[in-house]
């Protein structure tokens, strides 16, 4: 049986996070990694959009992999922090 899964993405100043929840709102899995910032010589801070995009794609794949594992291990909750 197929189910709808929603992915939430948070590009925070400290961490970039991805969370997956069922249509009912039930937590499935999440993953996070530190957000990378570029500090320029003049003190300005920037982010590389390509790196942020790649990070979100990587984290989404991790959450999808966790969700697939959880289907095989019913009612187990996994949370990755790396």
Protein backbone atom coordinates (compact mmCIF):
# COMPACT_ATOMS: atom_id res chain seq x y z
CA UNK A 1 0.00 0.00 0.00
CA UNK A 2 1.37 3.40 -0.94
CA UNK A 3 1.45 6.31 1.45
CA UNK A 4 2.05 10.02 1.07
CA UNK A 5 5.23 11.27 2.73
CA UNK A 6 6.00 14.96 3.24
CA UNK A 7 9.55 16.28 3.49
CA UNK A 8 10.31 19.43 5.46
CA UNK A 9 13.54 21.33 4.78
CA UNK A 10 15.10 23.83 7.16
CA UNK A 11 18.11 25.81 5.94
CA UNK A 12 19.09 27.10 9.34
CA UNK A 13 22.04 29.23 10.35
CA UNK A 14 23.54 26.35 12.36
CA UNK A 15 22.20 23.22 10.67
CA UNK A 16 20.47 22.20 7.48
CA UNK A 17 17.74 19.69 8.36
CA UNK A 18 15.35 17.42 6.49
CA UNK A 19 12.42 15.66 8.17
CA UNK A 20 9.94 13.15 6.76
CA UNK A 21 6.40 12.77 8.12
CA UNK A 22 3.42 10.71 7.07
CA UNK A 23 0.28 12.40 5.79
CA UNK A 24 -1.16 11.91 9.29
CA UNK A 25 1.73 13.98 10.72
CA UNK A 26 3.48 10.96 12.24
CA UNK A 27 7.28 11.35 12.37
CA UNK A 28 9.25 8.98 10.14
CA UNK A 29 12.90 10.12 10.15
CA UNK A 30 15.18 13.15 10.08
CA UNK A 31 18.75 14.03 9.20
CA UNK A 32 20.91 17.11 9.72
CA UNK A 33 24.30 18.52 8.84
CA UNK A 34 26.07 21.75 9.70
CA UNK A 35 25.28 24.64 7.35
CA UNK A 36 28.44 25.87 5.60
CA UNK A 37 29.05 29.59 5.43
CA UNK A 38 31.66 31.55 3.48
CA UNK A 39 33.24 34.40 5.46
CA UNK A 40 34.58 37.08 3.12
CA UNK A 41 37.60 39.27 3.93
CA UNK A 42 35.33 42.28 4.52
CA UNK A 43 33.44 40.34 7.22
CA UNK A 44 30.37 39.61 5.10
CA UNK A 45 28.97 36.11 5.23
CA UNK A 46 27.55 34.26 2.25
CA UNK A 47 26.27 30.80 1.39
CA UNK A 48 26.96 28.86 -1.79
CA UNK A 49 23.54 27.98 -3.23
CA UNK A 50 24.94 24.97 -5.12
CA UNK A 51 26.45 23.51 -1.94
CA UNK A 52 23.20 24.08 -0.02
CA UNK A 53 21.24 22.38 -2.80
CA UNK A 54 23.61 19.38 -2.81
CA UNK A 55 23.37 19.14 0.98
CA UNK A 56 19.55 19.14 0.86
CA UNK A 57 19.56 16.44 -1.85
CA UNK A 58 22.00 14.32 0.16
CA UNK A 59 19.99 14.68 3.37
CA UNK A 60 16.74 13.91 1.54
CA UNK A 61 18.29 10.70 0.20
CA UNK A 62 19.41 9.77 3.73
CA UNK A 63 15.89 10.31 5.06
CA UNK A 64 14.45 8.26 2.19
CA UNK A 65 16.88 5.44 2.97
CA UNK A 66 15.88 5.58 6.63
CA UNK A 67 12.21 5.50 5.69
CA UNK A 68 12.83 2.39 3.56
CA UNK A 69 14.68 0.73 6.46
CA UNK A 70 11.82 1.58 8.79
CA UNK A 71 9.32 -0.12 6.53
CA UNK A 72 11.28 -3.31 7.14
CA UNK A 73 11.56 -2.70 10.92
CA UNK A 74 8.03 -1.61 11.75
CA UNK A 75 7.55 1.00 14.47
CA UNK A 76 11.28 1.81 14.90
CA UNK A 77 12.24 5.48 14.91
CA UNK A 78 15.68 6.54 13.69
CA UNK A 79 17.26 10.00 13.92
CA UNK A 80 20.63 10.70 12.27
CA UNK A 81 22.87 13.52 13.47
CA UNK A 82 26.03 14.02 11.45
